[in-house]
Protein backbone atom coordinates (compact mmCIF):
# COMPACT_ATOMS: atom_id res chain seq x y z
CA MET A 1 8.05 6.50 31.15
CA SER A 2 5.11 8.60 31.41
CA ALA A 3 6.52 12.01 30.68
CA VAL A 4 5.74 13.44 27.22
CA ARG A 5 8.73 15.53 25.64
CA GLN A 6 7.75 18.70 23.86
CA ASP A 7 10.67 18.65 21.13
CA ALA A 8 10.08 17.84 17.65
CA TRP A 9 10.37 14.20 16.46
CA SER A 10 13.77 13.43 14.94
CA PRO A 11 14.19 11.21 12.03
CA GLU A 12 15.56 8.49 14.13
CA ASP A 13 12.38 8.59 16.27
CA ASP A 14 10.22 8.20 13.01
CA LEU A 15 12.42 5.43 12.03
CA MET A 16 12.04 3.46 15.12
CA LEU A 17 8.34 3.96 15.28
CA ALA A 18 8.18 2.66 11.90
CA GLU A 19 10.32 -0.47 12.34
CA VAL A 20 8.41 -1.45 15.47
CA THR A 21 5.01 -0.93 13.92
CA LEU A 22 5.91 -3.02 10.96
CA ARG A 23 7.18 -5.67 13.01
CA HIS A 24 4.32 -5.91 15.24
CA ILE A 25 2.05 -5.96 12.13
CA ARG A 26 4.06 -8.56 10.48
CA GLU A 27 3.87 -10.80 13.80
CA GLY A 28 0.28 -10.30 14.01
CA SER A 29 0.33 -8.05 17.08
CA THR A 30 -1.57 -4.81 17.56
CA GLN A 31 -0.25 -1.38 16.76
CA LEU A 32 -1.18 -0.24 20.18
CA LEU A 33 1.50 -2.52 21.60
CA ALA A 34 4.01 -1.38 19.09
CA PHE A 35 3.07 2.38 20.30
CA GLU A 36 3.74 1.34 23.87
CA GLU A 37 7.08 -0.33 22.99
CA VAL A 38 8.23 2.77 21.18
CA GLY A 39 6.99 5.05 23.93
CA GLU A 40 8.91 3.29 26.50
CA ARG A 41 12.08 3.53 24.27
CA ILE A 42 11.99 7.19 23.44
CA GLY A 43 10.32 8.48 26.38
CA ARG A 44 6.74 9.37 25.12
CA THR A 45 3.12 8.31 25.51
CA ALA A 46 1.47 5.66 23.43
CA ALA A 47 -1.07 8.12 22.32
CA ALA A 48 1.75 10.53 20.96
CA CYS A 49 3.43 7.61 19.27
CA GLY A 50 -0.16 6.59 17.66
CA PHE A 51 -0.81 10.20 16.62
CA ARG A 52 2.64 10.56 14.93
CA TRP A 53 2.21 7.24 13.15
CA ASN A 54 -1.30 8.09 11.76
CA SER A 55 -0.49 11.60 11.02
CA CYS A 56 2.92 11.58 9.45
CA VAL A 57 4.76 8.43 9.38
CA ARG A 58 2.26 6.07 8.07
CA LYS A 59 2.02 7.61 4.88
CA LYS A 60 5.63 7.08 3.98
CA TYR A 61 5.40 3.38 4.46
CA ASP A 62 2.18 2.43 2.60
CA ALA A 63 4.12 -0.32 0.58
CA ALA A 64 5.88 -1.63 3.51
CA ILE A 65 2.46 -1.93 5.36
CA GLN A 66 0.91 -4.00 2.67
CA ILE A 67 4.02 -6.45 2.44
CA ALA A 68 3.84 -6.98 6.46
CA LYS A 69 0.31 -7.48 6.03
CA ALA A 70 1.05 -10.08 3.38
CA GLN A 71 3.58 -11.79 5.38
CA ARG A 72 1.42 -12.01 8.47
CA GLN A 73 -1.45 -13.81 6.47
CA LYS A 74 1.21 -16.29 5.09
CA ARG A 75 2.61 -16.66 8.63
CA ASN A 76 -0.87 -17.27 9.92
CA SER A 77 -1.91 -19.70 7.14
CA ARG A 78 1.20 -21.85 7.95
CA LYS A 79 0.41 -21.75 11.49
CA ALA A 80 -3.22 -23.01 10.84
CA ALA A 81 -1.89 -25.57 8.20
CA GLY A 82 0.54 -26.76 11.01
CA ALA A 83 -2.08 -26.71 13.77
CA ALA A 84 -4.59 -28.64 11.34
CA LEU A 85 -1.74 -31.23 10.79
CA GLU A 86 -0.79 -31.73 14.42
CA GLY A 87 -4.51 -31.93 15.31
CA SER A 88 -4.98 -34.88 12.86
CA ARG A 89 -1.90 -36.56 14.19
CA THR A 90 -3.34 -36.26 17.73
CA ALA A 91 -6.75 -37.36 16.66
CA SER A 92 -5.46 -40.47 14.72
CA VAL A 93 -3.34 -41.57 17.70
CA ALA A 94 -6.20 -40.99 20.13
CA ALA A 95 -8.49 -43.03 17.75
CA ILE A 96 -6.01 -45.90 17.46
CA ASP A 97 -5.81 -45.85 21.54
CA ALA A 98 -9.32 -46.04 21.57
CA GLU A 99 -9.78 -48.74 18.93
CA VAL A 100 -7.12 -50.58 20.83
CA GLY A 101 -8.92 -50.19 24.25
CA LEU A 102 -11.90 -51.59 22.57
CA ARG A 103 -10.16 -54.58 20.99
CA TYR A 104 -8.55 -55.52 24.38
CA GLU A 105 -12.00 -55.32 26.20
CA SER A 106 -13.34 -57.74 23.53
CA GLY A 107 -10.59 -59.98 23.93
CA THR A 108 -9.23 -59.91 20.27
CA GLU A 109 -5.51 -59.15 21.04
CA GLU A 110 -4.36 -60.24 17.69
CA SER A 111 -6.63 -57.89 15.71
CA VAL A 112 -5.43 -54.85 17.81
CA SER A 113 -1.82 -55.69 16.90
CA PHE A 114 -2.38 -55.87 13.11
CA ASP A 115 -5.57 -54.97 11.49
CA GLY A 116 -6.96 -52.14 13.60
CA ILE A 117 -3.55 -50.30 13.95
CA ILE A 118 -2.76 -50.72 10.23
CA ARG A 119 -6.23 -49.47 9.28
CA PHE A 120 -5.79 -46.39 11.48
CA LEU A 121 -2.22 -45.76 10.28
CA ARG A 122 -3.45 -45.86 6.55
CA GLN A 123 -6.28 -43.40 7.53
CA TRP A 124 -3.69 -41.18 9.30
CA LYS A 125 -1.44 -41.31 6.09
CA GLY A 126 -4.32 -40.43 3.81
CA THR A 127 -5.30 -37.42 6.14
CA GLN A 128 -1.64 -36.35 6.34
CA ALA A 129 -1.60 -36.42 2.59
CA GLU A 130 -4.68 -34.24 2.20
CA LEU A 131 -3.19 -31.70 4.63
CA GLN A 132 0.04 -31.48 2.89
CA ARG A 133 -1.94 -30.91 -0.38
CA GLN A 134 -3.90 -28.13 1.28
CA VAL A 135 -0.65 -26.51 2.62
CA ARG A 136 0.86 -26.52 -0.82
CA GLN A 137 -2.31 -25.03 -2.24
CA LEU A 138 -2.20 -22.25 0.46
CA GLU A 139 1.36 -21.60 -0.53
CA LYS A 140 0.58 -21.42 -4.09
CA GLU A 141 -2.27 -18.82 -3.39
CA LEU A 142 0.17 -16.82 -1.33
CA ARG A 143 2.64 -16.62 -4.03
CA GLU A 144 0.16 -15.58 -6.42
CA LYS A 145 -1.17 -13.01 -4.00
CA ASP A 146 2.47 -11.68 -3.64
CA GLU A 147 2.86 -11.53 -7.48
CA GLU A 148 -0.44 -9.74 -7.77
CA LEU A 149 0.76 -7.23 -5.07
CA SER A 150 3.92 -6.64 -6.85
CA ARG A 151 2.11 -6.14 -10.04
CA LEU A 152 -0.39 -3.62 -8.48
CA ARG A 153 2.54 -1.77 -6.93
CA GLU A 154 4.38 -1.36 -10.18
CA GLU A 155 0.95 -0.39 -12.00
CA ASN A 156 0.40 2.34 -9.17
CA GLU A 157 3.93 3.49 -9.87
CA ARG A 158 3.50 3.81 -13.58
CA LEU A 159 -0.02 5.55 -12.96
CA SER A 160 1.54 8.08 -10.72
CA ASN A 161 4.32 8.79 -13.24
CA GLU A 162 1.79 9.26 -15.96
CA VAL A 163 -0.19 11.59 -13.73
CA ASN A 164 2.92 13.78 -13.23
CA HIS A 165 3.55 13.99 -16.78
CA VAL A 166 0.13 14.97 -17.56
CA GLN A 167 0.24 17.63 -14.81
CA THR A 168 3.54 18.87 -16.24
CA ASP A 169 2.21 19.12 -19.72
CA TYR A 170 -1.21 20.94 -18.56
CA ARG A 171 1.11 23.41 -16.70
CA THR A 172 3.17 23.87 -19.72
CA VAL A 173 0.22 24.45 -22.11
CA ASN A 174 -1.58 26.61 -19.65
CA ASP A 175 1.52 28.87 -19.28
CA ASP A 176 1.65 29.05 -23.14
CA TYR A 177 -1.85 29.94 -23.24
CA LYS A 178 -1.59 32.62 -20.98
CA ALA A 179 1.38 34.03 -22.75
CA LEU A 180 -0.60 33.94 -26.05
CA ILE A 181 -3.45 35.72 -24.50
CA GLN A 182 -1.22 38.57 -23.15
CA ILE A 183 0.61 38.88 -26.70
CA MET A 184 -3.01 39.18 -28.31
CA ASP A 185 -4.15 41.59 -25.74
CA ARG A 186 -1.01 43.73 -26.19
CA ALA A 187 -1.41 43.60 -29.94
CA ARG A 188 -5.05 44.56 -30.05
CA LYS A 189 -4.09 47.71 -27.74
CA MET A 190 -1.38 48.76 -30.08
CA ALA A 191 -3.81 48.42 -33.06
CA PHE A 192 -6.09 50.69 -31.42
CA LEU A 193 -3.42 53.34 -30.52
CA VAL A 194 -2.41 53.12 -34.40
CA GLU A 195 -5.85 53.81 -35.32
CA ASP A 196 -6.11 56.60 -32.96
CA GLU A 197 -3.02 58.21 -34.20
CA GLU A 198 -3.99 57.84 -37.71
CA GLU A 199 -7.38 59.76 -36.90
CA LEU A 200 -5.37 62.54 -35.09
CA LYS A 201 -3.03 63.13 -37.91
CA SER A 202 -3.86 66.04 -40.24
CA ARG A 203 -4.57 65.40 -43.83
CA PHE A 204 -3.68 67.91 -46.67
CA LYS A 205 -4.52 68.11 -50.43
CA MET A 206 -3.18 70.26 -53.35
CA ASP A 207 -5.71 72.74 -54.67
CA ALA A 208 -5.82 73.86 -58.40
CA ASN A 209 -3.07 76.45 -57.90
CA GLY A 210 -0.67 74.04 -56.35
CA ASN A 211 -1.15 74.92 -52.60
CA LEU A 212 -1.63 72.61 -49.84
CA GLU A 213 -4.94 72.81 -47.99
CA ARG A 214 -5.75 71.03 -44.72
CA ILE A 215 -8.72 68.51 -44.81
CA GLU A 216 -10.75 68.11 -41.68
């Protein structure tokens, strides 16, 4: 659809946008294709979906995005290892065929049947073992990356909680400080008032005849 709705995004729309975009990231696709797919489903343009993702939805799925990227990397590594293994097999078979052809051209059929094929099969076996070792190494590195990602996520959550606690303590101390300043300010004003009242009060003393006289 090409029409753009003007109504607000619903939670279901946001959820669909997140699920489709994460799937495309996980599968190694582009976010633009994800926005186009979502746009066709909910009747919005790809640009509108992209704006909604970048301005609002993406912030809520930072951890899921990192996991999707790690899964994509793992998927690509497995594909690369599989392609390399298949390429090695194909190259070995082609090499055997070439060797067989050369043997036939030179007229040494017995050598082709045993020595040449056995030698190339051994080379292929060694190459396959090396590729399998590389695959295991890549899988180990991916597991370590996943563990590191989990550790960093836990560390980030712990630091966020500490920051929240510090902010709460700061607000409490700041409020107490303001209250103390107000109390001190009121006490100072009351002291000034008492001094003024004392100064305004009349003072008297008794004279020699027992009469009270006012002291200015």
